[in-house]
N, C-alpha and C. Protein backbone atom coordinates (compact mmCIF):
# COMPACT_ATOMS: atom_id res chain seq x y z
N UNK A 1 148.47 60.06 94.50
CA UNK A 1 149.44 58.98 94.62
C UNK A 1 149.23 57.97 93.50
N UNK A 2 150.32 57.56 92.88
CA UNK A 2 150.22 56.54 91.84
C UNK A 2 150.05 55.18 92.50
N UNK A 3 149.08 54.44 92.04
CA UNK A 3 148.89 53.09 92.58
C UNK A 3 149.02 52.04 91.49
N UNK A 4 149.83 52.37 90.49
CA UNK A 4 150.09 51.45 89.39
C UNK A 4 151.59 51.30 89.20
N UNK A 5 152.03 50.05 89.14
CA UNK A 5 153.44 49.76 88.92
C UNK A 5 153.56 48.78 87.77
N UNK A 6 154.49 49.07 86.88
CA UNK A 6 154.82 48.15 85.80
C UNK A 6 156.27 47.73 85.95
N UNK A 7 156.48 46.43 85.97
CA UNK A 7 157.83 45.88 86.01
C UNK A 7 158.20 45.45 84.60
N UNK A 8 159.44 45.72 84.21
CA UNK A 8 159.94 45.30 82.89
C UNK A 8 161.19 44.47 83.13
N UNK A 9 161.21 43.27 82.55
CA UNK A 9 162.37 42.40 82.64
C UNK A 9 162.37 41.42 81.47
N UNK A 10 163.50 40.79 81.20
CA UNK A 10 163.55 39.91 80.02
C UNK A 10 162.54 38.77 80.07
N UNK A 11 162.51 37.99 81.15
CA UNK A 11 161.60 36.84 81.26
C UNK A 11 161.23 36.62 82.72
N UNK A 12 160.38 35.64 82.96
CA UNK A 12 160.08 35.20 84.32
C UNK A 12 160.55 33.77 84.54
N UNK A 13 161.59 33.37 83.79
CA UNK A 13 162.15 32.05 84.05
C UNK A 13 162.95 32.11 85.35
N UNK A 14 163.50 31.00 85.78
CA UNK A 14 164.14 30.93 87.08
C UNK A 14 165.40 31.78 87.15
N UNK A 15 165.50 32.59 88.20
CA UNK A 15 166.66 33.43 88.42
C UNK A 15 166.40 34.41 89.54
N UNK A 16 167.45 35.04 90.04
CA UNK A 16 167.32 35.96 91.16
C UNK A 16 166.52 37.21 90.83
N UNK A 17 166.80 37.81 89.68
CA UNK A 17 166.09 39.02 89.27
C UNK A 17 164.60 38.71 89.11
N UNK A 18 164.30 37.58 88.51
CA UNK A 18 162.91 37.18 88.27
C UNK A 18 162.19 36.94 89.60
N UNK A 19 162.87 36.29 90.55
CA UNK A 19 162.27 36.04 91.86
C UNK A 19 161.97 37.35 92.58
N UNK A 20 162.89 38.30 92.51
CA UNK A 20 162.69 39.61 93.15
C UNK A 20 161.48 40.32 92.56
N UNK A 21 161.36 40.33 91.24
CA UNK A 21 160.24 40.99 90.58
C UNK A 21 158.91 40.35 91.00
N UNK A 22 158.86 39.02 91.01
CA UNK A 22 157.62 38.33 91.38
C UNK A 22 157.26 38.61 92.84
N UNK A 23 158.25 38.60 93.72
CA UNK A 23 157.99 38.90 95.14
C UNK A 23 157.43 40.32 95.29
N UNK A 24 158.04 41.29 94.62
CA UNK A 24 157.56 42.67 94.69
C UNK A 24 156.16 42.80 94.08
N UNK A 25 155.97 42.20 92.92
CA UNK A 25 154.67 42.28 92.24
C UNK A 25 153.57 41.66 93.12
N UNK A 26 153.82 40.50 93.67
CA UNK A 26 152.82 39.85 94.53
C UNK A 26 152.54 40.69 95.77
N UNK A 27 153.58 41.22 96.40
CA UNK A 27 153.40 42.05 97.60
C UNK A 27 152.53 43.28 97.29
N UNK A 28 152.90 44.02 96.26
CA UNK A 28 152.16 45.24 95.95
C UNK A 28 150.75 44.97 95.43
N UNK A 29 150.55 43.86 94.76
CA UNK A 29 149.18 43.54 94.32
C UNK A 29 148.29 43.28 95.53
N UNK A 30 148.84 42.67 96.57
CA UNK A 30 148.07 42.43 97.81
C UNK A 30 147.78 43.73 98.56
N UNK A 31 148.58 44.77 98.28
CA UNK A 31 148.36 46.07 98.91
C UNK A 31 147.38 46.93 98.12
N UNK A 32 146.85 46.38 97.03
CA UNK A 32 145.85 47.10 96.24
C UNK A 32 146.40 47.83 95.02
N UNK A 33 147.66 47.66 94.74
CA UNK A 33 148.24 48.29 93.55
C UNK A 33 147.85 47.52 92.30
N UNK A 34 147.71 48.24 91.20
CA UNK A 34 147.52 47.61 89.90
C UNK A 34 148.92 47.29 89.36
N UNK A 35 149.15 46.01 89.10
CA UNK A 35 150.49 45.56 88.72
C UNK A 35 150.48 44.94 87.33
N UNK A 36 151.42 45.40 86.50
CA UNK A 36 151.70 44.80 85.20
C UNK A 36 153.15 44.34 85.20
N UNK A 37 153.38 43.19 84.61
CA UNK A 37 154.74 42.73 84.35
C UNK A 37 154.87 42.58 82.84
N UNK A 38 155.81 43.33 82.28
CA UNK A 38 156.08 43.23 80.85
C UNK A 38 157.37 42.44 80.67
N UNK A 39 157.25 41.27 80.08
CA UNK A 39 158.42 40.47 79.72
C UNK A 39 158.84 40.85 78.31
N UNK A 40 160.12 40.82 78.07
CA UNK A 40 160.63 41.18 76.75
C UNK A 40 160.69 40.00 75.80
N UNK A 41 160.70 38.78 76.37
CA UNK A 41 160.79 37.57 75.56
C UNK A 41 159.86 36.51 76.12
N UNK A 42 159.48 35.59 75.26
CA UNK A 42 158.64 34.46 75.66
C UNK A 42 159.48 33.42 76.38
N UNK A 43 159.00 33.02 77.56
CA UNK A 43 159.65 31.94 78.32
C UNK A 43 158.66 31.45 79.36
N UNK A 44 158.88 30.25 79.84
CA UNK A 44 158.02 29.68 80.86
C UNK A 44 158.12 30.49 82.15
N UNK A 45 156.98 30.69 82.81
CA UNK A 45 156.94 31.39 84.10
C UNK A 45 157.23 30.36 85.19
N UNK A 46 158.27 30.61 85.97
CA UNK A 46 158.74 29.63 86.94
C UNK A 46 158.33 29.93 88.38
N UNK A 47 157.59 31.00 88.62
CA UNK A 47 157.21 31.39 89.97
C UNK A 47 155.70 31.60 90.04
N UNK A 48 155.16 31.47 91.25
CA UNK A 48 153.75 31.77 91.45
C UNK A 48 153.54 33.28 91.37
N UNK A 49 152.59 33.68 90.55
CA UNK A 49 152.24 35.09 90.40
C UNK A 49 150.77 35.23 90.78
N UNK A 50 150.48 36.18 91.66
CA UNK A 50 149.10 36.43 92.08
C UNK A 50 148.20 36.59 90.86
N UNK A 51 146.96 36.07 90.92
CA UNK A 51 146.07 36.11 89.76
C UNK A 51 145.75 37.51 89.23
N UNK A 52 145.76 38.52 90.10
CA UNK A 52 145.41 39.88 89.63
C UNK A 52 146.61 40.62 89.05
N UNK A 53 147.80 40.01 89.03
CA UNK A 53 148.96 40.60 88.37
C UNK A 53 148.88 40.26 86.88
N UNK A 54 148.92 41.27 86.05
CA UNK A 54 148.82 41.08 84.60
C UNK A 54 150.22 40.89 84.01
N UNK A 55 150.40 39.82 83.27
CA UNK A 55 151.68 39.54 82.63
C UNK A 55 151.52 39.73 81.13
N UNK A 56 152.37 40.56 80.56
CA UNK A 56 152.39 40.82 79.12
C UNK A 56 153.65 40.17 78.56
N UNK A 57 153.48 39.22 77.68
CA UNK A 57 154.62 38.49 77.14
C UNK A 57 154.51 38.40 75.62
N UNK A 58 155.45 39.02 74.91
CA UNK A 58 155.39 38.97 73.45
C UNK A 58 155.82 37.60 72.93
N UNK A 59 155.53 37.36 71.70
CA UNK A 59 155.94 36.11 71.06
C UNK A 59 157.29 36.32 70.39
N UNK A 60 158.31 36.65 71.20
CA UNK A 60 159.66 36.91 70.69
C UNK A 60 160.65 36.03 71.42
N UNK A 61 161.69 35.64 70.73
CA UNK A 61 162.80 34.94 71.36
C UNK A 61 164.04 35.81 71.20
N UNK A 62 164.93 35.72 72.17
CA UNK A 62 166.15 36.53 72.14
C UNK A 62 167.22 35.86 71.30
N UNK A 63 167.78 36.63 70.36
CA UNK A 63 168.89 36.09 69.57
C UNK A 63 170.09 37.03 69.54
N UNK A 64 169.99 38.17 70.23
CA UNK A 64 171.13 39.05 70.40
C UNK A 64 171.46 39.98 69.24
N UNK A 65 170.72 39.94 68.16
CA UNK A 65 171.03 40.81 67.03
C UNK A 65 170.44 42.21 67.23
N UNK A 66 170.97 43.16 66.52
CA UNK A 66 170.46 44.53 66.58
C UNK A 66 169.00 44.55 66.10
N UNK A 67 168.71 43.81 65.05
CA UNK A 67 167.33 43.75 64.54
C UNK A 67 166.39 43.21 65.62
N UNK A 68 166.83 42.21 66.37
CA UNK A 68 166.03 41.64 67.45
C UNK A 68 165.77 42.68 68.53
N UNK A 69 166.79 43.47 68.87
CA UNK A 69 166.62 44.52 69.90
C UNK A 69 165.63 45.58 69.43
N UNK A 70 165.62 45.88 68.15
CA UNK A 70 164.65 46.84 67.62
C UNK A 70 163.24 46.28 67.76
N UNK A 71 163.06 45.00 67.47
CA UNK A 71 161.76 44.36 67.64
C UNK A 71 161.33 44.38 69.11
N UNK A 72 162.28 44.08 70.00
CA UNK A 72 162.00 44.10 71.43
C UNK A 72 161.57 45.50 71.86
N UNK A 73 162.30 46.51 71.41
CA UNK A 73 161.96 47.89 71.76
C UNK A 73 160.55 48.24 71.28
N UNK A 74 160.23 47.89 70.04
CA UNK A 74 158.90 48.21 69.51
C UNK A 74 157.79 47.56 70.33
N UNK A 75 157.96 46.29 70.71
CA UNK A 75 156.97 45.60 71.54
C UNK A 75 156.88 46.23 72.92
N UNK A 76 158.02 46.55 73.50
CA UNK A 76 158.05 47.19 74.81
C UNK A 76 157.33 48.53 74.77
N UNK A 77 157.65 49.35 73.80
CA UNK A 77 157.02 50.66 73.65
C UNK A 77 155.50 50.51 73.53
N UNK A 78 155.06 49.60 72.68
CA UNK A 78 153.62 49.38 72.49
C UNK A 78 152.94 48.92 73.78
N UNK A 79 153.57 48.01 74.51
CA UNK A 79 152.99 47.54 75.77
C UNK A 79 152.95 48.64 76.82
N UNK A 80 154.02 49.41 76.93
CA UNK A 80 154.02 50.52 77.89
C UNK A 80 152.95 51.55 77.53
N UNK A 81 152.83 51.85 76.27
CA UNK A 81 151.84 52.84 75.83
C UNK A 81 150.42 52.36 76.12
N UNK A 82 150.18 51.08 75.91
CA UNK A 82 148.83 50.53 76.06
C UNK A 82 148.44 50.26 77.52
N UNK A 83 149.38 49.73 78.30
CA UNK A 83 149.02 49.23 79.63
C UNK A 83 149.59 50.02 80.80
N UNK A 84 150.41 51.00 80.55
CA UNK A 84 151.14 51.61 81.66
C UNK A 84 150.99 53.12 81.76
N UNK A 85 149.82 53.60 81.44
CA UNK A 85 149.59 55.04 81.60
C UNK A 85 149.53 55.36 83.10
N UNK A 86 150.05 56.53 83.47
CA UNK A 86 150.00 57.00 84.85
C UNK A 86 150.53 55.97 85.84
N UNK A 87 151.70 55.44 85.56
CA UNK A 87 152.28 54.46 86.47
C UNK A 87 153.76 54.75 86.67
N UNK A 88 154.33 54.03 87.60
CA UNK A 88 155.78 54.02 87.79
C UNK A 88 156.28 52.74 87.16
N UNK A 89 157.38 52.83 86.43
CA UNK A 89 157.98 51.67 85.78
C UNK A 89 159.27 51.32 86.51
N UNK A 90 159.42 50.03 86.80
CA UNK A 90 160.65 49.52 87.39
C UNK A 90 161.29 48.57 86.39
N UNK A 91 162.47 48.92 85.89
CA UNK A 91 163.16 48.11 84.89
C UNK A 91 164.24 47.26 85.53
N UNK A 92 164.30 46.00 85.12
CA UNK A 92 165.31 45.06 85.59
C UNK A 92 166.00 44.45 84.38
N UNK A 93 167.30 44.26 84.48
CA UNK A 93 168.04 43.62 83.40
C UNK A 93 169.02 44.58 82.78
N UNK A 94 170.29 44.42 83.11
CA UNK A 94 171.33 45.36 82.70
C UNK A 94 171.38 45.57 81.20
N UNK A 95 171.19 44.53 80.44
CA UNK A 95 171.30 44.65 78.98
C UNK A 95 170.06 45.30 78.35
N UNK A 96 168.98 45.42 79.12
CA UNK A 96 167.74 45.94 78.54
C UNK A 96 167.19 47.18 79.26
N UNK A 97 167.81 47.58 80.36
CA UNK A 97 167.34 48.78 81.06
C UNK A 97 167.37 50.01 80.15
N UNK A 98 168.35 50.08 79.28
CA UNK A 98 168.45 51.24 78.37
C UNK A 98 167.23 51.34 77.47
N UNK A 99 166.73 50.19 77.00
CA UNK A 99 165.52 50.20 76.16
C UNK A 99 164.32 50.71 76.97
N UNK A 100 164.24 50.28 78.23
CA UNK A 100 163.14 50.72 79.09
C UNK A 100 163.20 52.22 79.34
N UNK A 101 164.40 52.73 79.59
CA UNK A 101 164.56 54.17 79.82
C UNK A 101 164.13 54.95 78.58
N UNK A 102 164.59 54.53 77.43
CA UNK A 102 164.26 55.23 76.19
C UNK A 102 162.75 55.22 75.94
N UNK A 103 162.11 54.06 76.08
CA UNK A 103 160.66 53.97 75.85
C UNK A 103 159.91 54.83 76.86
N UNK A 104 160.31 54.79 78.11
CA UNK A 104 159.61 55.57 79.14
C UNK A 104 159.78 57.07 78.93
N UNK A 105 160.95 57.49 78.54
CA UNK A 105 161.17 58.92 78.26
C UNK A 105 160.30 59.37 77.08
N UNK A 106 160.18 58.53 76.08
CA UNK A 106 159.35 58.88 74.91
C UNK A 106 157.88 58.98 75.30
N UNK A 107 157.47 58.23 76.33
CA UNK A 107 156.08 58.21 76.77
C UNK A 107 155.84 59.06 78.02
N UNK A 108 156.84 59.78 78.48
CA UNK A 108 156.77 60.62 79.68
C UNK A 108 156.35 59.82 80.92
N UNK A 109 156.90 58.63 81.06
CA UNK A 109 156.64 57.79 82.23
C UNK A 109 157.84 57.86 83.17
N UNK A 110 157.58 57.75 84.48
CA UNK A 110 158.67 57.68 85.46
C UNK A 110 159.27 56.29 85.41
N UNK A 111 160.60 56.23 85.36
CA UNK A 111 161.31 54.95 85.28
C UNK A 111 162.42 54.90 86.33
N UNK A 112 162.40 53.83 87.08
CA UNK A 112 163.47 53.51 88.02
C UNK A 112 164.04 52.18 87.56
N UNK A 113 165.36 52.07 87.58
CA UNK A 113 165.96 50.83 87.10
C UNK A 113 166.74 50.16 88.22
N UNK A 114 166.77 48.86 88.15
CA UNK A 114 167.57 48.06 89.07
C UNK A 114 168.69 47.43 88.26
N UNK A 115 169.90 47.78 88.62
CA UNK A 115 171.06 47.21 87.95
C UNK A 115 171.78 46.35 88.98
N UNK A 116 171.66 45.05 88.82
CA UNK A 116 172.19 44.10 89.78
C UNK A 116 173.56 43.55 89.36
N UNK A 117 174.16 44.17 88.38
CA UNK A 117 175.42 43.71 87.81
C UNK A 117 176.58 44.54 88.35
N UNK A 118 177.78 44.03 88.24
CA UNK A 118 178.97 44.79 88.54
C UNK A 118 179.05 45.93 87.52
N UNK A 119 179.08 47.19 87.97
CA UNK A 119 179.09 48.30 87.01
C UNK A 119 180.34 48.34 86.13
N UNK A 120 181.38 47.62 86.52
CA UNK A 120 182.59 47.59 85.71
C UNK A 120 182.61 46.40 84.74
N UNK A 121 181.59 45.54 84.83
CA UNK A 121 181.52 44.38 83.93
C UNK A 121 181.37 44.84 82.49
N UNK A 122 181.99 44.11 81.60
CA UNK A 122 181.93 44.41 80.18
C UNK A 122 180.72 43.71 79.58
N UNK A 123 179.72 44.48 79.17
CA UNK A 123 178.53 43.94 78.53
C UNK A 123 178.59 44.12 77.01
N UNK A 124 179.76 44.39 76.51
CA UNK A 124 179.94 44.67 75.10
C UNK A 124 180.04 46.17 74.89
N UNK A 125 180.85 46.56 73.95
CA UNK A 125 181.14 47.97 73.71
C UNK A 125 179.87 48.79 73.52
N UNK A 126 178.99 48.34 72.62
CA UNK A 126 177.78 49.10 72.31
C UNK A 126 176.84 49.15 73.51
N UNK A 127 176.62 48.03 74.19
CA UNK A 127 175.75 48.01 75.37
C UNK A 127 176.26 48.95 76.45
N UNK A 128 177.58 48.94 76.69
CA UNK A 128 178.16 49.81 77.71
C UNK A 128 178.02 51.28 77.35
N UNK A 129 178.23 51.62 76.09
CA UNK A 129 178.10 53.02 75.66
C UNK A 129 176.65 53.50 75.79
N UNK A 130 175.72 52.66 75.37
CA UNK A 130 174.30 53.03 75.46
C UNK A 130 173.88 53.16 76.92
N UNK A 131 174.34 52.24 77.77
CA UNK A 131 174.02 52.32 79.21
C UNK A 131 174.54 53.64 79.78
N UNK A 132 175.79 53.98 79.49
CA UNK A 132 176.37 55.21 80.02
C UNK A 132 175.63 56.45 79.52
N UNK A 133 175.12 56.38 78.30
CA UNK A 133 174.38 57.50 77.71
C UNK A 133 172.99 57.64 78.32
N UNK A 134 172.29 56.52 78.53
CA UNK A 134 170.87 56.58 78.91
C UNK A 134 170.59 56.49 80.41
N UNK A 135 171.45 55.85 81.20
CA UNK A 135 171.17 55.70 82.63
C UNK A 135 170.90 57.05 83.32
N UNK A 136 171.60 58.12 82.98
CA UNK A 136 171.30 59.40 83.64
C UNK A 136 169.86 59.90 83.40
N UNK A 137 169.16 59.34 82.42
CA UNK A 137 167.79 59.77 82.14
C UNK A 137 166.75 59.00 82.95
N UNK A 138 167.17 58.02 83.73
CA UNK A 138 166.26 57.31 84.63
C UNK A 138 165.94 58.24 85.80
N UNK A 139 164.75 58.09 86.37
CA UNK A 139 164.38 58.89 87.54
C UNK A 139 165.16 58.44 88.78
N UNK A 140 165.65 57.22 88.76
CA UNK A 140 166.43 56.70 89.87
C UNK A 140 166.96 55.33 89.53
N UNK A 141 167.93 54.90 90.34
CA UNK A 141 168.51 53.58 90.14
C UNK A 141 168.59 52.87 91.49
N UNK A 142 168.27 51.60 91.46
CA UNK A 142 168.39 50.75 92.64
C UNK A 142 169.68 49.97 92.44
N UNK A 143 170.66 50.24 93.31
CA UNK A 143 171.97 49.60 93.18
C UNK A 143 172.14 48.57 94.29
N UNK A 144 172.92 47.53 94.01
CA UNK A 144 173.14 46.45 94.96
C UNK A 144 174.17 46.81 96.04
N UNK A 145 175.12 47.68 95.70
CA UNK A 145 176.21 47.99 96.63
C UNK A 145 176.47 49.50 96.64
N UNK A 146 177.20 49.95 97.65
CA UNK A 146 177.61 51.36 97.70
C UNK A 146 178.52 51.70 96.53
N UNK A 147 179.38 50.76 96.12
CA UNK A 147 180.25 50.98 94.97
C UNK A 147 179.42 51.23 93.71
N UNK A 148 178.43 50.38 93.49
CA UNK A 148 177.55 50.54 92.31
C UNK A 148 176.83 51.87 92.37
N UNK A 149 176.32 52.20 93.54
CA UNK A 149 175.60 53.47 93.71
C UNK A 149 176.51 54.65 93.33
N UNK A 150 177.74 54.62 93.81
CA UNK A 150 178.68 55.69 93.49
C UNK A 150 179.03 55.74 92.02
N UNK A 151 179.15 54.58 91.41
CA UNK A 151 179.49 54.54 89.98
C UNK A 151 178.38 55.10 89.11
N UNK A 152 177.15 54.71 89.41
CA UNK A 152 176.03 55.16 88.59
C UNK A 152 175.60 56.55 88.95
């Protein structure tokens, strides 16, 4: 049984997705799981995180450019390779789940993604195309509604 979980999300600043990740991370750390949280960008942590939960935060800021996404991917890949061997990865963040899927597939890691967005929402032509291309390569998806589940 795997007892290591890595969460991937943009930041731990205030928000619903961030609160969910922290609640899950704290719960599973109390159950004896080894927990890593990989943030994609530097930001203030707005929630209490159990001391034994390891937070990996690069010195990057989000600016939305393709070059920035390449930098984010490289940092994510390096962090997953270094800290997430033999674990399950849970990715959060509609605009960045595709990067998590790609990195995990390259490293032969199991990846489950949580997409909390309306599946019909327009995230930009390129983001939508990449999502449609890569989501089928996730080991599973956590959807908010039956409609989302059916769509994905």
